[in-house]
């Protein structure tokens, strides 16, 4: 904020500094600067509005860039090999970026389970975004290793439902209970391709303006943050309505 204020303050003082070009004397320029600073001191809302306008302008640029990036990622999200649940041929796609250690992601998980029961024409794609702790990336690795054995959603649910201590022993037990090949799992979890896929999904989230978890893409719209069950339902309905107009 200090940097922003400095930039805005300089911009506001620029007219006074440029007055020198009109061949005012140094004394006159100083007098004008005093008057201008006095005006700003008595009308601080001018600076606040300038800062607010700058913030809104930057947010619009970020949103525009995110939408452009989303259009560029259409082919990626069309990939049927991504971790997913629901109807693979659904008319609306919901993408979730999440972290297994995120409390709001656990709430979103329950919301998504509810919606999957209600909506048989929804395709849900899960994108790992382990940003909260080292264990987040470890759990993401186990989920993606399970994906290599065709049991991503089962492992995803097991990790989301799990409330015990963290660590490989606990996660391997979850995998064993799901009937996964543990020897293969231990190899896959260290795979460079697997780790790269997790890094890629996190980088894509940043490109889409999603800085924290959870974050969603529903249809052609981006929703940073937890939006609740009603928010998800409304967004899905809006995406379906927009698609029917195409």
Protein backbone atom coordinates (compact mmCIF):
# COMPACT_ATOMS: atom_id res chain seq x y z
CA UNK A 1 0.00 0.00 0.00
CA UNK A 2 2.89 2.37 0.78
CA UNK A 3 4.20 1.92 -2.74
CA UNK A 4 0.77 2.55 -4.21
CA UNK A 5 0.35 5.71 -2.15
CA UNK A 6 3.76 6.88 -3.28
CA UNK A 7 2.88 6.35 -6.92
CA UNK A 8 -0.48 8.05 -6.55
CA UNK A 9 1.01 10.90 -4.55
CA UNK A 10 3.61 11.51 -7.22
CA UNK A 11 0.92 11.49 -9.87
CA UNK A 12 -1.12 14.02 -7.93
CA UNK A 13 1.88 16.33 -7.49
CA UNK A 14 2.91 16.03 -11.12
CA UNK A 15 0.74 18.98 -12.26
CA UNK A 16 2.54 21.24 -9.79
CA UNK A 17 5.97 20.03 -10.88
CA UNK A 18 5.03 20.50 -14.51
CA UNK A 19 4.08 24.10 -13.79
CA UNK A 20 7.79 24.92 -14.11
CA UNK A 21 7.41 24.36 -17.81
CA UNK A 22 5.08 27.37 -17.86
CA UNK A 23 8.03 29.56 -16.73
CA UNK A 24 6.88 30.25 -13.17
CA UNK A 25 9.54 31.44 -10.79
CA UNK A 26 10.90 28.94 -8.23
CA UNK A 27 9.12 30.92 -5.50
CA UNK A 28 5.79 30.67 -7.33
CA UNK A 29 6.24 26.94 -7.85
CA UNK A 30 6.94 26.46 -4.13
CA UNK A 31 3.85 28.49 -3.26
CA UNK A 32 1.73 26.35 -5.57
CA UNK A 33 3.15 23.18 -4.02
CA UNK A 34 2.21 24.45 -0.55
CA UNK A 35 -1.32 25.23 -1.73
CA UNK A 36 -1.66 21.87 -3.43
CA UNK A 37 -0.42 19.95 -0.38
CA UNK A 38 -2.79 21.97 1.80
CA UNK A 39 -5.64 21.04 -0.52
CA UNK A 40 -4.76 17.33 -0.25
CA UNK A 41 -4.47 17.57 3.54
CA UNK A 42 -7.92 19.13 3.73
CA UNK A 43 -9.37 16.74 1.14
CA UNK A 44 -7.77 13.32 1.80
CA UNK A 45 -10.62 11.62 -0.05
CA UNK A 46 -8.89 12.72 -3.27
CA UNK A 47 -5.94 10.45 -2.48
CA UNK A 48 -8.20 7.66 -1.25
CA UNK A 49 -10.24 7.80 -4.45
CA UNK A 50 -7.08 7.77 -6.52
CA UNK A 51 -5.83 4.68 -4.68
CA UNK A 52 -9.22 2.99 -4.97
CA UNK A 53 -9.46 3.76 -8.69
CA UNK A 54 -5.97 2.32 -9.17
CA UNK A 55 -6.92 -0.85 -7.25
CA UNK A 56 -10.09 -1.34 -9.29
CA UNK A 57 -8.15 -0.80 -12.51
CA UNK A 58 -5.55 -3.41 -11.51
CA UNK A 59 -8.26 -5.90 -10.50
CA UNK A 60 -9.93 -5.50 -13.89
CA UNK A 61 -6.61 -6.13 -15.63
CA UNK A 62 -6.06 -9.25 -13.50
CA UNK A 63 -9.56 -10.54 -14.23
CA UNK A 64 -9.16 -9.91 -17.94
CA UNK A 65 -5.82 -11.71 -17.98
CA UNK A 66 -7.31 -14.64 -16.04
CA UNK A 67 -10.20 -14.98 -18.51
CA UNK A 68 -7.78 -14.91 -21.43
CA UNK A 69 -5.67 -17.62 -19.78
CA UNK A 70 -8.79 -19.70 -19.10
CA UNK A 71 -9.65 -19.65 -22.80
CA UNK A 72 -6.12 -20.85 -23.55
CA UNK A 73 -6.55 -23.78 -21.13
CA UNK A 74 -9.75 -25.11 -22.70
CA UNK A 75 -7.96 -28.04 -24.33
CA UNK A 76 -6.28 -28.95 -21.05
CA UNK A 77 -9.58 -29.14 -19.17
CA UNK A 78 -11.11 -31.17 -22.00
CA UNK A 79 -8.59 -33.95 -21.30
CA UNK A 80 -10.50 -37.04 -20.16
CA UNK A 81 -7.40 -38.29 -18.35
CA UNK A 82 -7.58 -35.64 -15.62
CA UNK A 83 -8.63 -36.63 -12.08
CA UNK A 84 -12.39 -36.33 -12.07
CA UNK A 85 -15.74 -37.45 -10.71
CA UNK A 86 -19.31 -37.31 -11.90
CA UNK A 87 -20.38 -37.58 -15.52
CA UNK A 88 -17.37 -37.56 -17.89
CA UNK A 89 -19.72 -36.32 -20.63
CA UNK A 90 -21.48 -33.77 -18.43
CA UNK A 91 -22.77 -30.58 -20.00
CA UNK A 92 -21.11 -28.41 -17.32
CA UNK A 93 -17.58 -28.78 -15.97
CA UNK A 94 -16.63 -27.71 -12.46
CA UNK A 95 -12.90 -27.47 -11.73
CA UNK A 96 -11.76 -27.25 -8.11
CA UNK A 97 -8.32 -26.13 -6.93
CA UNK A 98 -7.78 -27.31 -3.37
CA UNK A 99 -5.39 -28.23 -0.57
CA UNK A 100 -6.00 -31.23 1.70
CA UNK A 101 -5.07 -29.15 4.76
CA UNK A 102 -7.55 -26.40 3.92
CA UNK A 103 -10.60 -26.23 6.20
CA UNK A 104 -12.75 -24.49 3.60
CA UNK A 105 -11.70 -27.11 1.04
CA UNK A 106 -13.16 -29.76 3.33
CA UNK A 107 -16.41 -27.80 3.39
CA UNK A 108 -16.31 -27.52 -0.39
CA UNK A 109 -15.67 -31.27 -0.58
CA UNK A 110 -18.91 -31.95 1.29
CA UNK A 111 -20.75 -29.48 -0.96
CA UNK A 112 -19.42 -31.20 -4.08
CA UNK A 113 -20.48 -34.63 -2.79
CA UNK A 114 -23.99 -33.25 -2.28
CA UNK A 115 -24.10 -31.73 -5.76
CA UNK A 116 -22.81 -34.91 -7.40
CA UNK A 117 -25.77 -36.77 -5.89
CA UNK A 118 -28.19 -34.11 -7.16
CA UNK A 119 -26.72 -33.43 -10.59
CA UNK A 120 -26.03 -36.40 -12.84
CA UNK A 121 -24.93 -34.18 -15.72
CA UNK A 122 -21.99 -32.52 -13.96
CA UNK A 123 -18.31 -33.21 -14.64
CA UNK A 124 -15.96 -32.38 -11.75
CA UNK A 125 -12.21 -32.01 -12.26
CA UNK A 126 -9.87 -31.96 -9.27
CA UNK A 127 -6.68 -29.92 -9.42
CA UNK A 128 -4.09 -30.20 -6.69
CA UNK A 129 -2.91 -26.89 -5.22
CA UNK A 130 -0.83 -27.84 -2.16
CA UNK A 131 0.18 -24.46 -0.73
CA UNK A 132 -0.46 -24.65 3.02
CA UNK A 133 2.24 -27.02 4.27
CA UNK A 134 4.76 -29.66 3.16
CA UNK A 135 2.27 -32.39 4.09
CA UNK A 136 -0.18 -30.88 1.61
CA UNK A 137 2.15 -31.77 -1.25
CA UNK A 138 2.73 -35.24 0.17
CA UNK A 139 -1.01 -35.91 0.26
CA UNK A 140 -1.40 -34.49 -3.24
CA UNK A 141 1.28 -36.96 -4.34
CA UNK A 142 -0.62 -39.89 -2.85
CA UNK A 143 -3.82 -38.80 -4.59
CA UNK A 144 -2.08 -38.50 -7.95
CA UNK A 145 -0.31 -41.83 -7.46
CA UNK A 146 -3.72 -43.39 -6.79
CA UNK A 147 -4.90 -41.74 -10.01
CA UNK A 148 -2.26 -43.77 -11.86
CA UNK A 149 -4.12 -46.86 -10.60
CA UNK A 150 -7.55 -45.54 -11.53
CA UNK A 151 -8.61 -44.72 -7.96
CA UNK A 152 -8.12 -40.99 -7.65
CA UNK A 153 -11.58 -40.11 -6.36
CA UNK A 154 -11.50 -42.94 -3.83
CA UNK A 155 -8.16 -41.70 -2.45
CA UNK A 156 -9.34 -38.10 -2.62
CA UNK A 157 -12.33 -38.93 -0.44
CA UNK A 158 -10.20 -40.97 1.95
CA UNK A 159 -7.76 -38.06 2.42
CA UNK A 160 -10.54 -35.51 2.82
CA UNK A 161 -12.34 -37.67 5.38
CA UNK A 162 -9.16 -38.58 7.28
CA UNK A 163 -8.68 -36.89 10.68
CA UNK A 164 -5.71 -38.77 12.16
CA UNK A 165 -2.00 -38.05 12.33
CA UNK A 166 -0.13 -37.12 9.18
CA UNK A 167 2.66 -39.06 7.54
CA UNK A 168 3.44 -41.80 5.03
CA UNK A 169 2.36 -44.59 7.36
CA UNK A 170 -1.14 -43.13 7.68
CA UNK A 171 -1.51 -42.44 3.96
CA UNK A 172 -0.23 -45.89 3.00
CA UNK A 173 -2.83 -47.45 5.28
CA UNK A 174 -5.55 -45.47 3.49
CA UNK A 175 -4.16 -46.71 0.17
CA UNK A 176 -4.03 -50.29 1.42
CA UNK A 177 -7.64 -50.10 2.58
CA UNK A 178 -8.58 -49.04 -0.96
CA UNK A 179 -6.81 -52.07 -2.42
CA UNK A 180 -4.06 -50.08 -4.14
CA UNK A 181 -0.78 -51.67 -5.18
CA UNK A 182 1.51 -50.18 -2.52
CA UNK A 183 4.77 -51.07 -4.26
CA UNK A 184 3.66 -49.27 -7.41
CA UNK A 185 2.30 -46.38 -5.33
CA UNK A 186 5.67 -45.86 -3.61
CA UNK A 187 7.40 -45.68 -6.99
CA UNK A 188 4.82 -43.45 -8.65
CA UNK A 189 4.73 -40.93 -5.81
CA UNK A 190 8.39 -40.09 -6.50
CA UNK A 191 7.88 -39.83 -10.25
CA UNK A 192 9.16 -36.62 -11.84
CA UNK A 193 6.10 -36.54 -14.09
CA UNK A 194 3.75 -36.80 -11.12
CA UNK A 195 5.49 -34.00 -9.22
CA UNK A 196 5.54 -31.87 -12.38
CA UNK A 197 1.79 -32.35 -12.83
CA UNK A 198 1.17 -31.01 -9.31
CA UNK A 199 3.42 -28.01 -9.93
CA UNK A 200 1.66 -27.39 -13.24
CA UNK A 201 -1.81 -27.30 -11.69
CA UNK A 202 -0.60 -24.84 -9.04
CA UNK A 203 0.98 -22.62 -11.70
CA UNK A 204 -2.21 -22.70 -13.75
CA UNK A 205 -4.20 -21.61 -10.70
CA UNK A 206 -2.01 -18.53 -10.38
CA UNK A 207 -2.48 -17.79 -14.09
CA UNK A 208 -6.22 -17.90 -13.47
CA UNK A 209 -6.05 -15.43 -10.59
CA UNK A 210 -6.61 -18.11 -7.94
CA UNK A 211 -4.19 -17.30 -5.11
CA UNK A 212 -5.68 -19.42 -2.33
CA UNK A 213 -7.82 -22.48 -1.79
CA UNK A 214 -10.44 -23.40 -2.63
CA UNK A 215 -10.93 -21.88 -6.06
CA UNK A 216 -13.34 -22.92 -8.79
CA UNK A 217 -13.88 -22.71 -12.50
CA UNK A 218 -17.49 -23.37 -13.42
CA UNK A 219 -18.31 -23.14 -17.08
CA UNK A 220 -16.47 -20.05 -18.32
CA UNK A 221 -16.34 -18.25 -14.98
CA UNK A 222 -13.65 -18.19 -12.28
CA UNK A 223 -14.65 -18.15 -8.60
CA UNK A 224 -11.77 -17.58 -6.15
CA UNK A 225 -12.57 -18.65 -2.60
CA UNK A 226 -15.24 -20.72 -0.89
CA UNK A 227 -18.70 -19.94 -2.27
CA UNK A 228 -20.80 -22.47 -0.37
CA UNK A 229 -23.34 -25.02 -1.55
CA UNK A 230 -25.82 -22.41 -2.80
CA UNK A 231 -23.03 -20.54 -4.57
CA UNK A 232 -21.99 -23.71 -6.39
CA UNK A 233 -25.56 -24.52 -7.36
CA UNK A 234 -26.14 -21.00 -8.66
CA UNK A 235 -22.87 -20.98 -10.60
CA UNK A 236 -23.67 -24.34 -12.21
CA UNK A 237 -27.14 -23.13 -13.16
CA UNK A 238 -25.65 -19.95 -14.65
CA UNK A 239 -23.10 -21.96 -16.63
CA UNK A 240 -25.82 -24.26 -17.94
CA UNK A 241 -27.98 -21.29 -18.94
CA UNK A 242 -25.06 -19.58 -20.68
CA UNK A 243 -24.23 -22.76 -22.55
CA UNK A 244 -27.80 -23.15 -23.80
CA UNK A 245 -27.52 -19.73 -25.45
CA UNK A 246 -24.42 -20.63 -27.46
